[in-house]
């Protein structure tokens, strides 16, 4: 989603007319949840997706109507609708999509800048109204056209951003126009769409071996903020890792200890050095941290030896049970790129609660609720 916001901000800044289509609500086995967006430029360029390919053509048609002067619209597509089958929505579930033009007052530049700085931010869009808010870091940019609605919308967005939620929220009370007996402090009722953008999850790679190069590249493609750390000067060369956000020359355990406050449940730690002098200290710290994924490269024999050494160093059985080693899913691959793919596949499975099994072997919905 970050790349969609960045592109929308760029088009807005250059004066390119574009329409943003955003999933407002989703039911069942829909491929994308609330907050997912797609852009349609007036010249026909498309960025992003709201359904994985099922209804994008219909979104383009709706966007053309908006470009022609039509109002913002909310469209619903479901697998059981005859019209949905006509446009190809066969993936399951039902989605409602808000489709509106991106005007100059929408603070997309602020949202894009916050995302680049790693600051969580929410974009608040009125359904059927004008204006927008950017909320995050204790500040608010933009307006929904009414100071009272701005305050109520910002408060609601802060709560949803803190929970990492996107979707519809109603603010206000009384009549929608805020008159007719409603007091002077009454907030006009408004239906708002809140898109929450958390800070990018972190991928920390310790050991700048050849396997780290595609792992950093693939991690960036999946939206991770990638750090590669190695104490060896010839390995910690930023030119070898153009996909990484930073390449650090330091002892892995020393760097981790200094940056442990950045680690949370969305953080993935991959230790690739094959050297106990570097592996064991940083693994000890990582397995006792809040990192959601901790993996280490090596053979099964290496894993058994490493586990024994970590146990001797005082790690508990529960802490050792968090270690993913040998690292990655069994894809049967070879070489650095295919190995990196197996590692990222395991990271995604752990983070999203996937089984790692072929979908053909299961009976559960393809897209989890």
Protein backbone atom coordinates (compact mmCIF):
# COMPACT_ATOMS: atom_id res chain seq x y z
CA UNK A 1 0.00 0.00 0.00
CA UNK A 2 2.85 2.41 0.64
CA UNK A 3 3.77 2.51 -3.04
CA UNK A 4 0.17 3.43 -3.93
CA UNK A 5 0.22 6.42 -1.56
CA UNK A 6 3.64 7.48 -2.83
CA UNK A 7 2.41 7.36 -6.44
CA UNK A 8 -0.79 9.23 -5.57
CA UNK A 9 1.27 11.96 -3.88
CA UNK A 10 3.56 12.17 -6.91
CA UNK A 11 0.65 12.48 -9.34
CA UNK A 12 -1.04 15.01 -7.10
CA UNK A 13 2.17 17.06 -6.98
CA UNK A 14 2.59 16.99 -10.77
CA UNK A 15 -1.03 17.93 -11.45
CA UNK A 16 -1.93 14.54 -12.95
CA UNK A 17 -5.61 13.81 -12.39
CA UNK A 18 -6.20 10.47 -10.71
CA UNK A 19 -8.94 8.53 -8.97
CA UNK A 20 -8.35 6.45 -5.85
CA UNK A 21 -10.48 3.36 -5.28
CA UNK A 22 -10.30 2.07 -1.70
CA UNK A 23 -11.85 -1.02 -0.12
CA UNK A 24 -14.18 0.31 2.57
CA UNK A 25 -15.66 -2.99 3.75
CA UNK A 26 -15.03 -6.64 2.98
CA UNK A 27 -16.84 -9.88 3.83
CA UNK A 28 -15.97 -13.53 3.43
CA UNK A 29 -13.01 -14.69 1.39
CA UNK A 30 -12.30 -11.31 -0.19
CA UNK A 31 -8.70 -11.03 -1.45
CA UNK A 32 -8.02 -7.65 0.20
CA UNK A 33 -9.21 -6.03 3.41
CA UNK A 34 -10.37 -2.48 4.15
CA UNK A 35 -7.87 0.25 3.33
CA UNK A 36 -6.42 -1.44 0.25
CA UNK A 37 -6.31 1.01 -2.66
CA UNK A 38 -5.92 1.24 -6.40
CA UNK A 39 -5.13 4.33 -8.47
CA UNK A 40 -6.37 5.14 -11.96
CA UNK A 41 -4.75 8.08 -13.76
CA UNK A 42 -6.67 9.97 -16.40
CA UNK A 43 -4.19 8.77 -19.02
CA UNK A 44 -5.04 5.14 -18.18
CA UNK A 45 -2.13 4.19 -15.92
CA UNK A 46 -3.02 1.89 -13.03
CA UNK A 47 -1.23 1.33 -9.72
CA UNK A 48 -2.32 -1.09 -7.01
CA UNK A 49 -5.30 -3.42 -6.73
CA UNK A 50 -8.54 -3.85 -4.80
CA UNK A 51 -9.33 -7.45 -5.70
CA UNK A 52 -6.27 -9.13 -7.15
CA UNK A 53 -7.54 -8.70 -10.70
CA UNK A 54 -11.22 -9.61 -10.46
CA UNK A 55 -12.91 -6.20 -10.58
CA UNK A 56 -10.17 -3.85 -11.66
CA UNK A 57 -11.73 -3.34 -15.11
CA UNK A 58 -15.00 -2.29 -13.44
CA UNK A 59 -13.08 0.12 -11.20
CA UNK A 60 -11.51 1.72 -14.28
CA UNK A 61 -14.99 2.17 -15.79
CA UNK A 62 -16.24 3.80 -12.58
CA UNK A 63 -13.16 6.03 -12.50
CA UNK A 64 -13.87 7.24 -16.04
CA UNK A 65 -17.32 8.34 -14.88
CA UNK A 66 -15.74 10.28 -12.01
CA UNK A 67 -13.29 11.93 -14.42
CA UNK A 68 -16.28 12.95 -16.54
CA UNK A 69 -17.73 14.88 -13.60
CA UNK A 70 -19.53 12.20 -11.65
CA UNK A 71 -19.62 12.28 -7.84
CA UNK A 72 -17.68 9.92 -5.55
CA UNK A 73 -19.40 6.53 -5.47
CA UNK A 74 -19.40 3.39 -3.34
CA UNK A 75 -19.64 0.25 -5.45
CA UNK A 76 -20.30 -3.25 -4.12
CA UNK A 77 -19.18 -6.45 -5.81
CA UNK A 78 -19.86 -9.95 -4.53
CA UNK A 79 -19.30 -13.43 -5.86
CA UNK A 80 -23.03 -14.12 -5.80
CA UNK A 81 -23.97 -11.15 -7.96
CA UNK A 82 -24.78 -11.78 -11.60
CA UNK A 83 -23.19 -8.48 -12.53
CA UNK A 84 -20.12 -9.48 -10.53
CA UNK A 85 -19.73 -12.64 -12.57
CA UNK A 86 -20.08 -10.53 -15.70
CA UNK A 87 -17.01 -8.52 -14.67
CA UNK A 88 -15.11 -11.52 -13.37
CA UNK A 89 -15.40 -11.39 -9.55
CA UNK A 90 -15.03 -15.11 -8.98
CA UNK A 91 -12.46 -15.06 -6.18
CA UNK A 92 -15.05 -15.15 -3.40
CA UNK A 93 -16.29 -12.72 -0.79
CA UNK A 94 -17.85 -9.30 -1.15
CA UNK A 95 -16.25 -5.86 -1.18
CA UNK A 96 -17.46 -2.28 -1.04
CA UNK A 97 -15.16 0.21 -2.73
CA UNK A 98 -15.12 4.00 -2.35
CA UNK A 99 -14.14 5.60 -5.67
CA UNK A 100 -13.29 9.30 -5.68
CA UNK A 101 -10.94 11.74 -7.38
CA UNK A 102 -7.78 12.81 -5.57
CA UNK A 103 -8.07 16.57 -5.22
CA UNK A 104 -5.43 19.06 -4.13
CA UNK A 105 -6.75 19.33 -0.56
CA UNK A 106 -6.07 15.67 0.23
CA UNK A 107 -2.82 15.73 2.32
CA UNK A 108 -1.11 12.88 0.49
CA UNK A 109 2.30 14.55 0.62
CA UNK A 110 2.13 14.50 4.42
CA UNK A 111 1.11 10.81 4.45
CA UNK A 112 3.89 9.87 2.03
CA UNK A 113 6.48 11.79 4.06
CA UNK A 114 5.40 10.11 7.31
CA UNK A 115 5.63 6.69 5.71
CA UNK A 116 9.14 7.46 4.44
CA UNK A 117 10.15 8.55 7.95
CA UNK A 118 8.67 5.43 9.54
CA UNK A 119 5.92 7.36 11.36
CA UNK A 120 2.53 5.58 11.62
CA UNK A 121 -0.15 7.70 9.96
CA UNK A 122 -3.84 7.46 9.04
CA UNK A 123 -5.65 8.97 6.07
CA UNK A 124 -9.27 9.93 6.81
CA UNK A 125 -11.62 10.31 3.83
CA UNK A 126 -15.30 11.28 4.08
CA UNK A 127 -17.74 9.01 2.27
CA UNK A 128 -19.81 11.28 0.09
CA UNK A 129 -18.04 14.45 1.22
CA UNK A 130 -14.98 16.55 0.43
CA UNK A 131 -11.61 17.05 2.04
CA UNK A 132 -9.42 14.62 3.99
CA UNK A 133 -7.25 14.38 7.10
CA UNK A 134 -3.81 12.99 7.77
CA UNK A 135 -3.47 11.95 11.41
CA UNK A 136 -0.35 10.70 13.15
CA UNK A 137 2.51 11.60 15.41
CA UNK A 138 0.25 13.85 17.45
CA UNK A 139 -0.52 16.21 14.55
CA UNK A 140 -3.35 16.62 12.05
CA UNK A 141 -3.16 17.94 8.48
CA UNK A 142 -6.02 18.81 6.16
CA UNK A 143 -9.70 19.29 6.91
CA UNK A 144 -13.08 17.65 6.45
CA UNK A 145 -14.76 21.02 6.12
CA UNK A 146 -15.92 21.39 9.72
CA UNK A 147 -13.69 21.91 12.79
CA UNK A 148 -15.88 19.75 15.00
CA UNK A 149 -15.85 16.90 12.47
CA UNK A 150 -12.08 17.33 12.12
CA UNK A 151 -11.63 16.83 15.86
CA UNK A 152 -13.96 13.84 15.98
CA UNK A 153 -12.39 12.29 12.89
CA UNK A 154 -8.87 12.75 14.23
CA UNK A 155 -9.81 11.15 17.54
CA UNK A 156 -11.41 8.15 15.81
CA UNK A 157 -8.43 7.80 13.46
CA UNK A 158 -5.94 7.84 16.33
CA UNK A 159 -7.78 4.97 17.97
CA UNK A 160 -7.92 2.91 14.78
CA UNK A 161 -4.28 3.67 13.97
CA UNK A 162 -3.26 2.49 17.43
CA UNK A 163 -5.04 -0.81 16.77
CA UNK A 164 -3.73 -1.09 13.23
CA UNK A 165 -7.29 -1.09 11.83
CA UNK A 166 -8.72 0.35 8.62
CA UNK A 167 -12.38 0.71 7.72
CA UNK A 168 -15.52 2.79 8.12
CA UNK A 169 -16.39 4.78 11.25
CA UNK A 170 -19.31 7.11 11.99
CA UNK A 171 -18.65 10.25 14.01
CA UNK A 172 -21.06 12.88 15.26
CA UNK A 173 -24.60 12.89 16.55
CA UNK A 174 -28.03 14.29 15.76
CA UNK A 175 -29.00 15.38 12.27
CA UNK A 176 -26.34 15.11 9.55
CA UNK A 177 -26.41 18.90 9.01
CA UNK A 178 -25.86 19.59 12.72
CA UNK A 179 -28.88 21.92 13.01
CA UNK A 180 -32.49 21.65 14.06
CA UNK A 181 -32.11 21.59 17.80
CA UNK A 182 -28.64 20.08 18.06
CA UNK A 183 -26.56 22.20 20.44
CA UNK A 184 -23.68 24.43 19.40
CA UNK A 185 -21.18 21.76 20.42
CA UNK A 186 -22.92 19.01 18.47
CA UNK A 187 -20.74 17.29 15.88
CA UNK A 188 -22.48 16.80 12.52
CA UNK A 189 -22.78 13.13 11.70
CA UNK A 190 -20.33 11.90 9.09
CA UNK A 191 -19.32 8.51 7.71
CA UNK A 192 -15.54 8.36 7.36
CA UNK A 193 -13.13 5.88 5.81
CA UNK A 194 -9.93 5.49 7.82
CA UNK A 195 -6.83 3.97 6.22
CA UNK A 196 -4.17 3.10 8.79
CA UNK A 197 -0.56 2.84 7.72
CA UNK A 198 1.72 1.31 10.31
CA UNK A 199 5.45 1.84 10.21
CA UNK A 200 7.19 -0.57 7.85
CA UNK A 201 8.00 -3.90 9.51
CA UNK A 202 11.70 -4.54 9.96
CA UNK A 203 13.85 -7.26 8.46
CA UNK A 204 17.19 -7.52 10.25
CA UNK A 205 19.78 -9.60 8.41
CA UNK A 206 22.94 -10.48 10.32
CA UNK A 207 25.68 -11.83 8.09
CA UNK A 208 26.27 -10.16 4.73
CA UNK A 209 26.83 -13.41 2.84
CA UNK A 210 25.65 -13.88 -0.75
CA UNK A 211 22.31 -15.24 0.51
CA UNK A 212 21.69 -11.88 2.17
CA UNK A 213 21.68 -10.00 -1.15
CA UNK A 214 18.44 -11.42 -2.62
CA UNK A 215 16.93 -11.67 0.86
CA UNK A 216 17.36 -7.91 1.27
CA UNK A 217 16.00 -7.27 -2.21
CA UNK A 218 12.94 -9.50 -1.75
CA UNK A 219 12.31 -8.08 1.73
CA UNK A 220 12.21 -4.55 0.35
CA UNK A 221 9.74 -5.67 -2.32
CA UNK A 222 7.46 -6.98 0.44
CA UNK A 223 7.54 -3.64 2.25
CA UNK A 224 10.11 -4.38 4.96
CA UNK A 225 12.65 -1.88 6.19
CA UNK A 226 15.82 -3.88 5.65
CA UNK A 227 19.01 -3.68 7.70
CA UNK A 228 22.08 -5.75 6.81
CA UNK A 229 24.69 -5.97 9.57
CA UNK A 230 28.13 -7.61 9.49
CA UNK A 231 31.33 -6.94 11.42
CA UNK A 232 33.55 -7.86 8.47
CA UNK A 233 34.51 -4.82 6.36
CA UNK A 234 34.75 -6.71 3.07
CA UNK A 235 31.23 -8.08 3.53
CA UNK A 236 29.43 -4.99 4.90
CA UNK A 237 29.66 -3.11 1.60
CA UNK A 238 26.54 -1.09 0.74
CA UNK A 239 27.27 -1.51 -2.98
CA UNK A 240 26.48 -5.21 -2.65
CA UNK A 241 23.01 -4.50 -1.24
CA UNK A 242 21.23 -1.85 -3.30
CA UNK A 243 17.88 -3.14 -1.98
CA UNK A 244 18.71 -2.57 1.70
CA UNK A 245 17.73 0.55 3.61
CA UNK A 246 20.98 0.42 5.54
CA UNK A 247 24.16 -1.64 5.61
CA UNK A 248 25.93 -1.54 8.98
CA UNK A 249 29.52 -2.50 9.81
CA UNK A 250 29.31 -3.63 13.43
CA UNK A 251 29.17 -6.72 15.61
CA UNK A 252 25.61 -8.09 15.27
CA UNK A 253 25.04 -8.39 19.03
CA UNK A 254 26.34 -4.88 19.70
CA UNK A 255 24.12 -3.37 17.00
CA UNK A 256 21.09 -5.38 18.15
CA UNK A 257 21.59 -4.34 21.76
CA UNK A 258 21.72 -0.67 20.73
CA UNK A 259 18.61 -0.96 18.54
CA UNK A 260 16.54 -3.45 20.51
CA UNK A 261 13.91 -0.77 21.16
CA UNK A 262 12.99 -0.98 17.46
CA UNK A 263 12.10 -4.68 17.67
CA UNK A 264 8.43 -5.66 17.87
CA UNK A 265 6.16 -8.51 16.84
CA UNK A 266 6.39 -7.52 13.16
CA UNK A 267 10.22 -7.74 13.15
CA UNK A 268 11.96 -10.62 11.39
CA UNK A 269 15.54 -11.51 12.37
CA UNK A 270 17.65 -13.67 10.05
CA UNK A 271 21.12 -14.82 11.13
CA UNK A 272 23.21 -16.02 8.20
CA UNK A 273 26.84 -15.85 9.34
CA UNK A 274 27.57 -19.57 10.02
CA UNK A 275 29.99 -18.44 12.73
CA UNK A 276 29.27 -19.14 16.41
CA UNK A 277 31.28 -16.08 17.45
CA UNK A 278 28.69 -13.87 15.76
CA UNK A 279 25.61 -16.14 15.71
CA UNK A 280 25.26 -17.08 19.35
CA UNK A 281 25.38 -13.60 20.95
CA UNK A 282 22.84 -12.05 18.57
CA UNK A 283 20.55 -15.10 18.66
CA UNK A 284 20.52 -14.94 22.44
CA UNK A 285 19.31 -11.36 22.27
CA UNK A 286 16.84 -11.97 19.45
CA UNK A 287 15.21 -15.02 21.05
CA UNK A 288 14.63 -13.01 24.21
CA UNK A 289 13.21 -10.03 22.31
CA UNK A 290 9.72 -9.33 20.95
CA UNK A 291 10.73 -10.30 17.39
CA UNK A 292 7.97 -12.24 15.68
CA UNK A 293 10.39 -14.32 13.62
CA UNK A 294 13.94 -15.48 14.42
CA UNK A 295 15.68 -17.77 11.95
CA UNK A 296 19.24 -19.02 11.54
CA UNK A 297 20.93 -20.56 8.52
CA UNK A 298 22.77 -23.85 8.73
CA UNK A 299 22.48 -27.61 8.37
CA UNK A 300 20.59 -29.81 10.81
CA UNK A 301 23.89 -30.77 12.42
CA UNK A 302 24.76 -27.08 12.79
CA UNK A 303 21.33 -26.47 14.29
CA UNK A 304 21.80 -29.23 16.89
CA UNK A 305 25.20 -27.88 17.88
CA UNK A 306 23.91 -24.29 17.97
CA UNK A 307 20.91 -25.28 20.11
CA UNK A 308 23.16 -27.08 22.60
CA UNK A 309 25.40 -24.02 22.86
CA UNK A 310 22.43 -21.69 23.36
CA UNK A 311 21.00 -23.97 26.04
CA UNK A 312 24.36 -24.00 27.79
CA UNK A 313 24.29 -20.20 27.67
CA UNK A 314 21.07 -20.23 29.68
CA UNK A 315 18.26 -19.99 27.13
CA UNK A 316 15.05 -21.70 28.20
CA UNK A 317 13.24 -24.39 26.28
CA UNK A 318 10.52 -21.90 25.35
CA UNK A 319 13.08 -19.42 24.04
CA UNK A 320 14.85 -22.11 22.02
CA UNK A 321 11.49 -23.22 20.63
CA UNK A 322 11.15 -19.84 18.90
CA UNK A 323 14.20 -20.49 16.70
CA UNK A 324 13.44 -21.32 13.06
CA UNK A 325 16.37 -23.44 11.96
CA UNK A 326 17.28 -24.68 9.43
CA UNK A 327 15.84 -21.44 8.13
CA UNK A 328 13.10 -21.29 5.50
CA UNK A 329 10.39 -23.51 4.03
CA UNK A 330 11.23 -26.67 2.10
CA UNK A 331 10.84 -25.52 -1.50
CA UNK A 332 13.56 -27.80 -2.80
CA UNK A 333 15.33 -24.75 -4.20
CA UNK A 334 18.99 -24.12 -4.88
CA UNK A 335 21.16 -21.01 -4.96
CA UNK A 336 20.90 -17.66 -3.22
CA UNK A 337 17.69 -16.44 -4.86
CA UNK A 338 15.65 -19.59 -4.29
CA UNK A 339 16.96 -19.86 -0.73
CA UNK A 340 15.94 -16.26 -0.07
CA UNK A 341 12.50 -17.02 -1.47
CA UNK A 342 12.09 -19.93 0.96
CA UNK A 343 13.12 -17.71 3.89
CA UNK A 344 10.68 -14.92 2.97
CA UNK A 345 7.94 -17.51 2.44
CA UNK A 346 8.44 -18.76 5.99
CA UNK A 347 8.49 -15.21 7.37
CA UNK A 348 5.17 -14.45 5.66
CA UNK A 349 3.64 -17.73 6.87
CA UNK A 350 4.66 -17.03 10.47
CA UNK A 351 3.48 -13.43 10.37
CA UNK A 352 0.14 -14.21 8.70
CA UNK A 353 -0.56 -17.53 10.38
CA UNK A 354 -0.23 -19.63 7.25
CA UNK A 355 0.46 -23.36 7.27
CA UNK A 356 3.14 -23.32 4.59
CA UNK A 357 1.33 -26.20 2.83
CA UNK A 358 0.12 -26.15 -0.80
CA UNK A 359 -3.33 -24.56 -1.01
CA UNK A 360 -4.49 -27.56 -3.03
CA UNK A 361 -4.05 -29.73 0.09
CA UNK A 362 -6.39 -27.64 2.23
CA UNK A 363 -10.11 -26.89 2.40
CA UNK A 364 -10.07 -23.51 4.17
CA UNK A 365 -10.79 -20.30 2.23
CA UNK A 366 -7.86 -19.16 0.10
CA UNK A 367 -8.10 -15.64 1.53
CA UNK A 368 -8.39 -15.67 5.30
CA UNK A 369 -10.74 -13.30 7.06
